Each structure stands twice: as C-alpha cells, then as structure tokens.
Protein backbone atom coordinates (compact mmCIF):
# COMPACT_ATOMS: atom_id res chain seq x y z
CA MET A 1 -154.71 -56.43 -12.28
CA LEU A 2 -154.41 -53.79 -14.97
CA SER A 3 -151.20 -52.01 -16.08
CA ASP A 4 -149.91 -49.90 -18.76
CA VAL A 5 -146.28 -51.34 -18.06
CA TYR A 6 -144.76 -54.77 -17.21
CA PHE A 7 -141.89 -56.74 -17.89
CA PRO A 8 -139.76 -56.82 -20.37
CA ARG A 9 -139.96 -52.96 -19.28
CA VAL A 10 -137.98 -52.85 -16.43
CA ASN A 11 -138.82 -50.55 -13.58
CA GLY A 12 -140.20 -50.56 -10.08
CA VAL A 13 -143.99 -50.82 -11.13
CA SER A 14 -142.99 -53.94 -13.00
CA THR A 15 -141.20 -55.42 -9.99
CA SER A 16 -144.00 -54.50 -7.70
CA ILE A 17 -146.49 -56.31 -9.79
CA GLN A 18 -144.41 -59.34 -10.07
CA THR A 19 -143.42 -59.58 -6.49
CA PHE A 20 -147.29 -59.06 -5.05
CA ARG A 21 -148.65 -61.56 -7.60
CA ASN A 22 -146.33 -64.26 -6.69
CA ASP A 23 -147.03 -63.87 -3.03
CA LEU A 24 -150.71 -63.20 -3.36
CA ASP A 25 -150.79 -66.78 -5.44
CA ALA A 26 -148.96 -68.39 -2.45
CA LEU A 27 -151.61 -66.99 -0.13
CA GLY A 28 -154.33 -68.31 -2.21
CA CYS A 29 -155.34 -65.23 -4.10
CA SER A 30 -155.24 -65.97 -7.72
CA THR A 31 -154.39 -62.92 -10.06
CA LEU A 32 -154.70 -62.26 -13.90
CA LEU A 33 -152.62 -59.51 -15.27
CA VAL A 34 -153.68 -57.54 -18.31
CA ALA A 35 -150.58 -55.60 -19.72
CA PRO A 36 -149.21 -54.24 -23.01
CA GLU A 37 -147.69 -56.61 -25.54
CA TYR A 38 -143.97 -55.74 -26.33
CA PRO A 39 -141.95 -56.73 -29.31
CA GLY A 40 -140.71 -60.34 -28.78
CA THR A 41 -142.82 -61.08 -25.70
CA ARG A 42 -144.52 -64.44 -25.37
CA SER A 43 -148.10 -64.94 -25.95
CA ASP A 44 -148.44 -67.92 -23.47
CA GLU A 45 -147.26 -66.38 -20.17
CA PRO A 46 -149.09 -68.06 -17.28
CA GLY A 47 -151.75 -65.57 -15.77
CA ILE A 48 -150.97 -62.74 -18.13
CA ARG A 49 -153.11 -61.39 -21.07
CA ARG A 50 -151.13 -59.30 -23.38
CA VAL A 51 -152.96 -56.61 -25.25
CA ALA A 52 -151.92 -55.25 -28.69
CA SER A 53 -149.78 -51.95 -28.32
CA ARG A 54 -148.28 -49.02 -30.24
CA TYR A 55 -144.92 -47.29 -30.14
CA VAL A 56 -144.90 -44.30 -27.98
CA PRO A 57 -143.19 -41.27 -29.65
CA PHE A 58 -140.09 -39.85 -27.69
CA ASP A 59 -140.39 -42.76 -25.23
CA PRO A 60 -139.22 -45.82 -26.92
CA GLU A 61 -139.10 -47.96 -23.83
CA ASP A 62 -142.85 -47.91 -23.18
CA ARG A 63 -145.92 -49.04 -25.27
CA ALA A 64 -149.51 -47.52 -25.37
CA MET A 65 -151.96 -50.41 -25.29
CA VAL A 66 -154.72 -50.12 -28.10
CA ARG A 67 -157.82 -48.95 -26.18
CA ARG A 68 -160.34 -51.00 -28.29
CA GLU A 69 -158.19 -54.05 -27.73
CA LEU A 70 -157.82 -53.55 -24.07
CA GLU A 71 -161.71 -53.02 -23.68
CA ARG A 72 -162.23 -56.31 -25.56
CA VAL A 73 -159.79 -58.28 -23.46
CA CYS A 74 -161.44 -57.02 -20.46
CA ALA A 75 -164.82 -57.66 -21.68
CA SER A 76 -163.93 -61.26 -22.36
CA LEU A 77 -162.68 -61.74 -18.83
CA ALA A 78 -165.77 -60.42 -17.07
CA GLY A 79 -167.11 -62.70 -14.44
CA GLN A 80 -163.62 -64.28 -13.82
CA PHE A 81 -162.53 -62.01 -10.89
CA ASP A 82 -163.86 -60.17 -7.84
CA LEU A 83 -161.83 -57.10 -7.87
CA ILE A 84 -159.84 -54.96 -10.13
CA HIS A 85 -156.39 -53.68 -8.95
CA ILE A 86 -155.06 -50.82 -11.31
CA GLN A 87 -151.40 -50.29 -11.32
CA THR A 88 -150.95 -47.24 -13.62
CA PRO A 89 -152.84 -43.92 -14.14
CA PHE A 90 -153.16 -44.07 -17.95
CA LEU A 91 -155.38 -46.16 -20.23
CA ALA A 92 -155.38 -48.88 -17.48
CA HIS A 93 -157.01 -46.58 -15.08
CA HIS A 94 -159.78 -45.24 -17.34
CA VAL A 95 -160.72 -48.66 -18.62
CA GLY A 96 -160.36 -50.16 -15.15
CA VAL A 97 -162.66 -47.85 -13.41
CA ARG A 98 -165.32 -48.07 -16.00
CA LEU A 99 -165.19 -51.85 -16.12
CA ALA A 100 -165.57 -51.96 -12.20
CA ARG A 101 -168.62 -49.58 -12.41
CA ARG A 102 -170.22 -51.77 -15.16
CA LEU A 103 -169.76 -54.93 -13.25
CA GLY A 104 -170.39 -53.27 -9.96
CA ILE A 105 -167.27 -54.61 -8.27
CA PRO A 106 -164.43 -52.72 -6.06
CA VAL A 107 -161.66 -51.24 -7.70
CA VAL A 108 -158.18 -50.57 -5.86
CA GLU A 109 -155.23 -48.55 -7.43
CA THR A 110 -151.67 -48.22 -6.45
CA TYR A 111 -150.08 -44.86 -6.70
CA HIS A 112 -146.59 -45.89 -7.77
CA THR A 113 -145.20 -42.75 -9.43
CA TYR A 114 -144.89 -39.11 -7.86
CA PHE A 115 -145.92 -37.42 -11.06
CA GLU A 116 -145.85 -33.98 -9.45
CA HIS A 117 -142.00 -33.99 -9.79
CA TYR A 118 -141.79 -35.83 -13.12
CA PHE A 119 -143.66 -33.71 -15.63
CA HIS A 120 -141.36 -30.54 -15.72
CA HIS A 121 -138.42 -32.92 -17.00
CA TYR A 122 -140.33 -34.01 -19.81
CA LEU A 123 -142.32 -30.64 -20.60
CA PRO A 124 -139.64 -28.00 -19.90
CA LEU A 125 -141.07 -25.32 -21.82
CA LEU A 126 -144.21 -25.27 -19.61
CA PRO A 127 -144.14 -23.52 -16.09
CA LYS A 128 -143.24 -25.91 -13.25
CA ARG A 129 -146.13 -24.49 -11.05
CA LEU A 130 -148.72 -25.20 -13.81
CA LEU A 131 -147.38 -28.76 -14.30
CA ARG A 132 -147.55 -29.44 -10.72
CA ALA A 133 -151.13 -28.17 -10.37
CA VAL A 134 -152.05 -30.34 -13.32
CA ALA A 135 -150.45 -33.52 -11.85
CA ARG A 136 -152.12 -32.82 -8.49
CA SER A 137 -155.53 -32.29 -10.12
CA ILE A 138 -155.47 -35.44 -12.09
CA SER A 139 -154.05 -37.45 -9.04
CA ARG A 140 -156.88 -36.24 -6.83
CA THR A 141 -159.66 -37.04 -9.51
CA GLN A 142 -158.34 -40.51 -10.05
CA CYS A 143 -157.84 -41.46 -6.65
CA ASN A 144 -161.24 -40.26 -5.57
CA ALA A 145 -162.83 -42.42 -8.29
CA VAL A 146 -161.57 -45.78 -6.75
CA THR A 147 -162.57 -47.83 -3.67
CA ALA A 148 -159.19 -47.70 -2.03
CA VAL A 149 -155.68 -46.46 -2.86
CA VAL A 150 -152.50 -48.27 -2.15
CA ALA A 151 -149.53 -45.94 -1.43
CA PRO A 152 -146.02 -47.41 -1.03
CA SER A 153 -144.97 -44.99 1.69
CA ARG A 154 -146.27 -42.85 4.54
CA GLN A 155 -144.73 -39.78 2.54
CA MET A 156 -146.60 -40.59 -0.61
CA ALA A 157 -149.98 -41.09 1.44
CA GLU A 158 -149.34 -37.77 3.07
CA ALA A 159 -148.93 -36.07 -0.29
CA LEU A 160 -152.09 -37.51 -1.61
CA ARG A 161 -154.11 -36.63 1.25
CA ALA A 162 -152.72 -32.99 0.70
CA TYR A 163 -153.92 -33.03 -2.70
CA GLY A 164 -157.57 -33.58 -1.45
CA VAL A 165 -157.82 -37.36 -1.90
CA ARG A 166 -160.90 -38.38 0.30
CA THR A 167 -160.65 -42.16 -0.60
CA GLU A 168 -159.02 -44.51 1.92
CA ILE A 169 -155.36 -44.65 1.41
CA ARG A 170 -153.49 -47.73 2.83
CA VAL A 171 -149.77 -47.69 3.00
CA ILE A 172 -148.52 -51.02 1.72
CA PRO A 173 -144.94 -51.04 0.33
CA THR A 174 -143.40 -53.64 -2.04
CA GLY A 175 -141.54 -56.23 0.00
CA LEU A 176 -138.56 -58.57 -0.90
CA ASP A 177 -138.67 -62.32 -1.64
CA LEU A 178 -135.45 -62.96 0.33
CA GLN A 179 -134.87 -66.40 -1.20
CA ARG A 180 -134.26 -64.50 -4.55
CA PHE A 181 -131.15 -62.64 -3.08
CA GLU A 182 -129.16 -65.77 -2.47
CA GLY A 183 -126.27 -67.12 -4.59
CA ALA A 184 -125.25 -63.75 -6.05
CA ASP A 185 -121.56 -63.64 -7.39
CA GLY A 186 -119.79 -60.25 -7.37
CA ASP A 187 -116.70 -61.66 -8.60
CA ARG A 188 -118.41 -62.92 -11.76
CA PHE A 189 -119.79 -59.71 -12.51
CA ARG A 190 -116.49 -57.81 -12.14
CA ALA A 191 -114.87 -60.35 -14.43
CA ARG A 192 -117.51 -59.81 -17.02
CA LEU A 193 -116.50 -55.89 -16.94
CA SER A 194 -112.79 -56.62 -16.57
CA VAL A 195 -112.79 -54.87 -13.17
CA SER A 196 -110.20 -56.20 -10.62
CA ARG A 197 -111.48 -57.68 -7.35
CA ASP A 198 -109.77 -54.88 -5.36
CA ARG A 199 -110.96 -51.92 -7.33
CA PRO A 200 -113.51 -49.63 -5.34
CA VAL A 201 -116.86 -49.75 -6.96
CA MET A 202 -119.78 -47.56 -6.49
CA LEU A 203 -123.28 -48.76 -7.92
CA ASN A 204 -126.43 -47.08 -8.90
CA VAL A 205 -129.48 -49.19 -10.13
CA GLY A 206 -132.53 -47.83 -11.84
CA ARG A 207 -133.99 -45.89 -14.74
CA VAL A 208 -131.61 -43.53 -16.21
CA ALA A 209 -133.94 -40.43 -16.11
CA PHE A 210 -133.49 -36.87 -14.99
CA GLU A 211 -135.87 -37.20 -12.06
CA LYS A 212 -133.44 -39.68 -10.60
CA ASN A 213 -130.76 -37.01 -9.93
CA ILE A 214 -127.92 -39.20 -11.37
CA GLU A 215 -126.10 -36.00 -12.37
CA PHE A 216 -125.61 -35.19 -8.68
CA LEU A 217 -123.88 -38.79 -8.26
CA ILE A 218 -121.50 -37.85 -11.17
CA ASP A 219 -120.53 -34.87 -9.41
CA VAL A 220 -120.17 -36.85 -6.08
CA LEU A 221 -117.93 -39.21 -7.92
CA GLU A 222 -115.68 -36.45 -9.08
CA ARG A 223 -115.04 -35.41 -5.35
CA VAL A 224 -114.66 -39.23 -4.40
CA ARG A 225 -111.99 -39.63 -7.03
CA SER A 226 -109.87 -37.11 -5.34
CA THR A 227 -109.69 -39.21 -2.35
CA VAL A 228 -110.02 -42.69 -3.92
CA PRO A 229 -108.47 -42.19 -7.56
CA GLU A 230 -109.34 -45.64 -8.89
CA VAL A 231 -113.01 -45.52 -7.84
CA LEU A 232 -115.39 -46.94 -10.45
CA LEU A 233 -119.13 -45.87 -10.73
CA VAL A 234 -121.29 -48.52 -12.25
CA ILE A 235 -124.80 -47.29 -13.42
CA ALA A 236 -127.20 -50.12 -14.30
CA GLY A 237 -130.14 -49.07 -16.27
CA GLU A 238 -131.30 -47.02 -19.48
CA GLY A 239 -133.36 -44.21 -20.04
CA PRO A 240 -133.52 -40.67 -21.63
CA ALA A 241 -131.05 -39.11 -19.49
CA LEU A 242 -128.19 -41.19 -20.72
CA PRO A 243 -126.60 -39.13 -23.46
CA ALA A 244 -126.48 -36.01 -21.19
CA LEU A 245 -124.85 -38.16 -18.46
CA LEU A 246 -122.19 -39.36 -20.88
CA ARG A 247 -121.38 -35.89 -21.68
CA ARG A 248 -121.34 -34.70 -18.07
CA ALA A 249 -118.82 -37.58 -17.12
CA GLU A 250 -116.63 -36.97 -20.22
CA SER A 251 -116.59 -33.09 -19.60
CA ARG A 252 -115.35 -33.91 -16.06
CA GLY A 253 -112.79 -36.27 -17.30
CA LEU A 254 -114.37 -39.24 -15.59
CA GLY A 255 -114.55 -41.34 -18.66
CA ARG A 256 -112.45 -44.28 -17.02
CA ASN A 257 -114.44 -43.91 -13.66
CA VAL A 258 -117.99 -44.46 -15.07
CA ARG A 259 -119.43 -47.33 -16.74
CA PHE A 260 -123.00 -47.61 -18.04
CA VAL A 261 -123.97 -51.38 -18.20
CA GLY A 262 -127.81 -51.08 -19.38
CA TYR A 263 -130.53 -53.24 -18.04
CA LEU A 264 -129.48 -56.45 -16.45
CA ASP A 265 -131.49 -59.60 -15.96
CA ARG A 266 -133.09 -59.37 -12.63
CA SER A 267 -132.81 -63.10 -11.76
CA GLY A 268 -129.11 -63.30 -12.61
CA GLU A 269 -126.76 -60.64 -13.75
CA LEU A 270 -128.51 -57.79 -11.83
CA LEU A 271 -128.00 -59.64 -8.59
CA ASP A 272 -124.36 -60.21 -9.44
CA CYS A 273 -123.95 -56.28 -10.28
CA TYR A 274 -125.39 -55.52 -6.81
CA ARG A 275 -122.94 -57.92 -5.10
CA SER A 276 -119.98 -56.57 -7.06
CA ALA A 277 -120.36 -53.13 -5.31
CA ASP A 278 -118.41 -51.96 -2.36
CA VAL A 279 -121.36 -49.11 -1.95
CA PHE A 280 -124.72 -48.46 -3.27
CA VAL A 281 -125.43 -44.64 -3.91
CA PHE A 282 -128.70 -43.14 -4.52
CA ALA A 283 -130.14 -39.59 -4.57
CA SER A 284 -133.46 -39.45 -6.37
CA ARG A 285 -135.89 -36.91 -5.21
CA THR A 286 -139.05 -38.40 -6.46
CA GLU A 287 -139.19 -42.17 -5.21
CA THR A 288 -142.54 -43.31 -3.84
CA GLN A 289 -140.45 -46.24 -2.04
CA GLY A 290 -137.10 -46.81 -3.38
CA LEU A 291 -137.15 -50.61 -3.84
CA VAL A 292 -133.52 -50.61 -5.23
CA LEU A 293 -132.40 -49.67 -1.73
CA LEU A 294 -133.85 -52.63 -0.19
CA GLU A 295 -132.41 -54.92 -2.81
CA ALA A 296 -128.98 -53.52 -2.27
CA MET A 297 -129.12 -53.99 1.43
CA ALA A 298 -130.64 -57.51 1.01
CA LEU A 299 -127.37 -58.42 -0.81
CA GLY A 300 -125.28 -57.00 1.98
CA VAL A 301 -124.25 -53.87 -0.03
CA PRO A 302 -123.91 -50.65 2.30
CA VAL A 303 -125.89 -47.74 1.14
CA VAL A 304 -125.11 -44.00 1.16
CA SER A 305 -128.25 -42.10 0.34
CA THR A 306 -130.38 -39.05 0.66
CA ALA A 307 -133.71 -39.58 2.37
CA VAL A 308 -136.43 -37.98 0.27
CA MET A 309 -140.21 -38.89 -0.10
CA GLY A 310 -140.54 -42.62 -0.09
CA THR A 311 -136.85 -43.33 0.65
CA LYS A 312 -137.31 -41.87 4.08
CA ASP A 313 -139.63 -44.84 4.96
CA VAL A 314 -137.06 -47.38 3.76
CA LEU A 315 -134.01 -45.69 5.41
CA GLU A 316 -135.77 -44.64 8.71
CA ASP A 317 -133.79 -46.46 11.43
CA ALA A 318 -132.27 -48.37 8.54
CA ARG A 319 -129.34 -50.54 9.51
CA GLY A 320 -126.62 -50.77 6.84
CA ALA A 321 -127.01 -47.27 5.45
CA ILE A 322 -125.51 -43.72 5.92
CA VAL A 323 -128.10 -41.13 5.30
CA VAL A 324 -127.06 -37.69 4.12
CA ASP A 325 -128.30 -34.57 2.73
CA GLU A 326 -128.10 -33.63 -1.02
CA ASP A 327 -124.65 -31.95 -0.60
CA GLU A 328 -121.88 -32.94 -2.64
CA LYS A 329 -119.00 -32.80 -0.04
CA LEU A 330 -121.00 -34.46 2.76
CA PHE A 331 -122.01 -37.19 0.26
CA ALA A 332 -118.70 -37.63 -1.23
CA ASP A 333 -117.07 -37.95 2.25
CA ALA A 334 -119.35 -40.66 3.37
CA VAL A 335 -118.89 -42.59 0.15
CA ALA A 336 -115.14 -42.49 0.72
CA GLN A 337 -115.13 -43.41 4.10
CA VAL A 338 -117.16 -46.49 3.40
CA LEU A 339 -114.77 -47.26 0.40
CA THR A 340 -111.56 -46.86 2.42
CA ASN A 341 -112.69 -48.39 5.83
CA ARG A 342 -113.02 -52.20 5.41
CA ASN A 343 -114.40 -52.59 8.98
CA LEU A 344 -116.95 -50.00 8.47
CA ARG A 345 -118.08 -51.52 5.26
CA ASP A 346 -118.20 -54.87 6.65
CA GLY A 347 -120.26 -53.94 9.52
CA LEU A 348 -122.80 -52.15 7.32
CA ALA A 349 -123.08 -54.86 5.14
CA THR A 350 -123.92 -57.40 7.87
CA ASP A 351 -126.43 -54.80 9.39
CA ALA A 352 -128.04 -54.25 5.87
CA ARG A 353 -128.95 -57.87 5.44
CA GLU A 354 -130.26 -58.29 8.89
CA GLY A 355 -132.22 -55.18 8.85
CA VAL A 356 -133.98 -55.89 5.47
CA ALA A 357 -134.86 -59.62 6.62
CA ALA A 358 -136.55 -58.29 9.87
CA ARG A 359 -138.63 -55.50 8.21
CA TRP A 360 -139.35 -56.06 4.57
CA SER A 361 -140.71 -59.61 4.05
CA SER A 362 -142.79 -59.67 0.62
CA THR A 363 -145.17 -62.24 2.30
CA ALA A 364 -145.92 -59.72 4.92
CA MET A 365 -146.72 -57.06 2.47
CA ALA A 366 -148.92 -59.46 0.50
CA ARG A 367 -150.84 -60.32 3.62
CA ARG A 368 -151.50 -56.69 4.14
CA MET A 369 -152.77 -56.23 0.27
CA LEU A 370 -155.10 -59.34 0.80
CA GLU A 371 -156.41 -57.75 3.95
CA LEU A 372 -157.20 -54.61 1.66
CA TYR A 373 -158.93 -56.72 -0.91
CA GLU A 374 -161.04 -58.50 1.69
CA ASP A 375 -162.14 -55.02 3.15
CA ALA A 376 -162.82 -53.58 -0.23
CA LEU A 377 -165.01 -56.49 -1.13
CA CYS A 378 -167.02 -55.97 2.11
CA ARG A 379 -167.40 -52.36 1.25
CA GLY A 380 -168.46 -52.89 -2.27
CA PRO A 381 -168.26 -50.88 -5.51
CA VAL A 382 -167.06 -47.33 -5.78
CA ASN A 383 -169.56 -44.61 -5.29
CA SER A 384 -171.48 -44.28 -8.80
CA LEU A 385 -172.58 -40.76 -8.26
CA ARG A 386 -169.15 -39.62 -7.43
CA GLU A 387 -167.59 -41.56 -10.30
CA ARG A 388 -170.13 -40.19 -12.86
CA ALA A 389 -169.15 -36.60 -11.85
CA ASP A 390 -165.72 -37.43 -12.31
CA TYR A 391 -165.79 -39.41 -15.61
CA GLY A 392 -169.22 -38.80 -17.07
CA SER A 393 -172.06 -41.66 -17.28
C-alpha cells in the first residue's frame, strides 16, 4: 500500500488503512504500507516503511514525501508484493502507477476524498466552476490509469462514473472492528473536562475544516440552547477552520457552550469521548463515507445528521439515527428532542449498536477487498497504452 498520509496524522484515510490492514492480515493477506515520516514517528513499526518527508506550507498537519526517497524505497521492495494499492492521489499515486507499469502488476486505488467540493475552500480566489472542472479532470485521468477503483459509497461511485471514469469501480466501505468499541467510559471523559454527568452534551468528531460544515453546527447550537440552556457542544479534532469557529462561537455568546478538545487517542480517549455524548451531530457535505457516524453508533450514541454523499449509505435505513435536512430549525428541534427525551435517547442508543453490528463488520469488508485483489490479479496489469497516454512513457 502507498499513501501520502497515515498516523499520527488523524483522518478517515489513516483509519481506513489501519482497519483494512488488520483484517486483511487476519485473512492471510499480508500488506506493507509505505507512508510519510512524521516528526517523532518510530522507525521500527511492523509492516510500515516510512519515507523522508518535508513540511507542507499552509498545512502543518500533513507532510510531503520526498519523491526520490519514495522511489528508492519502492525500488528496494520490488519483488516482495503482487499488487499495489494506492490510497491517495498525490505523489503516492504517480509513483505507484509508474511502479506497477514497470513491474507489470495490477494497481488498485481507493478514492477517499471528494475533491470536487474541497478545492474552493483552500483556493477561494479562483472560480468554483473552474476548480470543480479541474478536480473532475484529475480524478478521471487518475482513475482511468489503474486496474480498479475502490469507492467507499455508492454515491461516490456514481460521481466518478459521471466524471467519465471507465475503470471498474467497486464499492467497498470501511467497516468497524466492533471489539475495539467495548469498555469505553463516558464518565471518565466528562470528569476530565469537569462536565457534570447530567449536563446535555452534543458531540462532533473529525477534522476541523471548512468543508465539514461545522459552522452550521455552531448555528444549530445557538437554537438548541434556547430550549436546553446548559447544552455543551464538544468538538474533537483540529484543523484550519478552528480560529474561525472560535470567533463564530464567541460572537454568538456561546463561549461556555462549546469546547474544542483537539485530537484524541483513538484507542482510549476518543472512545471515552464518544460515550460521554448524549447525541452525535454531523452535517458535512463532502464525506465519501462518514466513518465517524458508524463509530458513534457502535458506541450507542444517537445520531442527528444530514445525509449527503457518502453519509446517505451509512444512514440509509439506519437504526439509531435521525436524518434531517440542512435546516437550522429542523436540525435543532431534532437535537433538542433527543436531549430532552430519555426514552427516545435510550431507544436510539440500543438501535444504533445493533444496526452497526448487523451491517458494518470490518471483516466482511476486508473479504470484499480481498476478492477485488484476486480479481485484479487474474486480470493483470493496467492497459499500458492507455497509461502511457495519460502519463507519458
């Protein structure tokens, strides 16, 4: 596997890679991950080769691998793998496709990020229409250069086909290892924040970025407070939108109703954080899946969310979730109802756990990924003529 991002950088891509690698290994498919080196990362992680990387201007959370070093590491590993699985569309993609062509082996790529709706947040001076056209063109070219594409949701697969992607697209979401979601202690997390056990808590987990639509949740919080004055919104994550969100909360007099707690350790504190909440709130418009929704429900936390792009798959017929439109009043009314109705909240919590257990096993998803690998190996390498047209010989 090749990726431009991995832990300690916390995001859905890192989580997906880790989850699939663990389950694939249990199914007898060994993987080797090549990913960036971050300050302080270990050099002896089992099954991981770190590549020297550089600071990324304007994006201190990420690192850019040094191309020469990535190519050297990949060359040193030649002959040790049967297939390449690319996880990100940056340097990992370009080096991975070229390496697969040189070795004559299949290459699969997962399309994790809905870039069409990301670029304008980071390049605001350029026209949105132009940026969307560029994102679609790059995505089409890259996806048509690989043996098969993995989409985390049906909605993302449909978007890629609309771009003109001709390569086979297989929908394989990231599942959950349900054993990881046992033993969480919400009271322990509340004690850490000095939040009383009976204070109503809303929670959002994820990267604090503009495309996550967290400002909408701040506006919803203002409405909820009129019904539930002591409500607290906990936001777990970090990112470039944090200063703007802090200003938004302060300008509405919500300083004591919002707590930003940063990134939390996924094996401990984050699970406690989920369990501390009375309701999980989510309104992102750009998710290719929405893994945090599943994590919340696996821990018995009722969800109030919009259903856009990949979250439609997660929330379709979802037990334990209330789906609403992106309307402040409707959303706030649903949240207030969950916070003030104990019977409703408990029923949703039970349904959430049972629904996730029935539909989202990570082992089942890994089996589907392994089937794709086997099909790709039978099919052979990507079409060399098409690839040369896209990337040059």
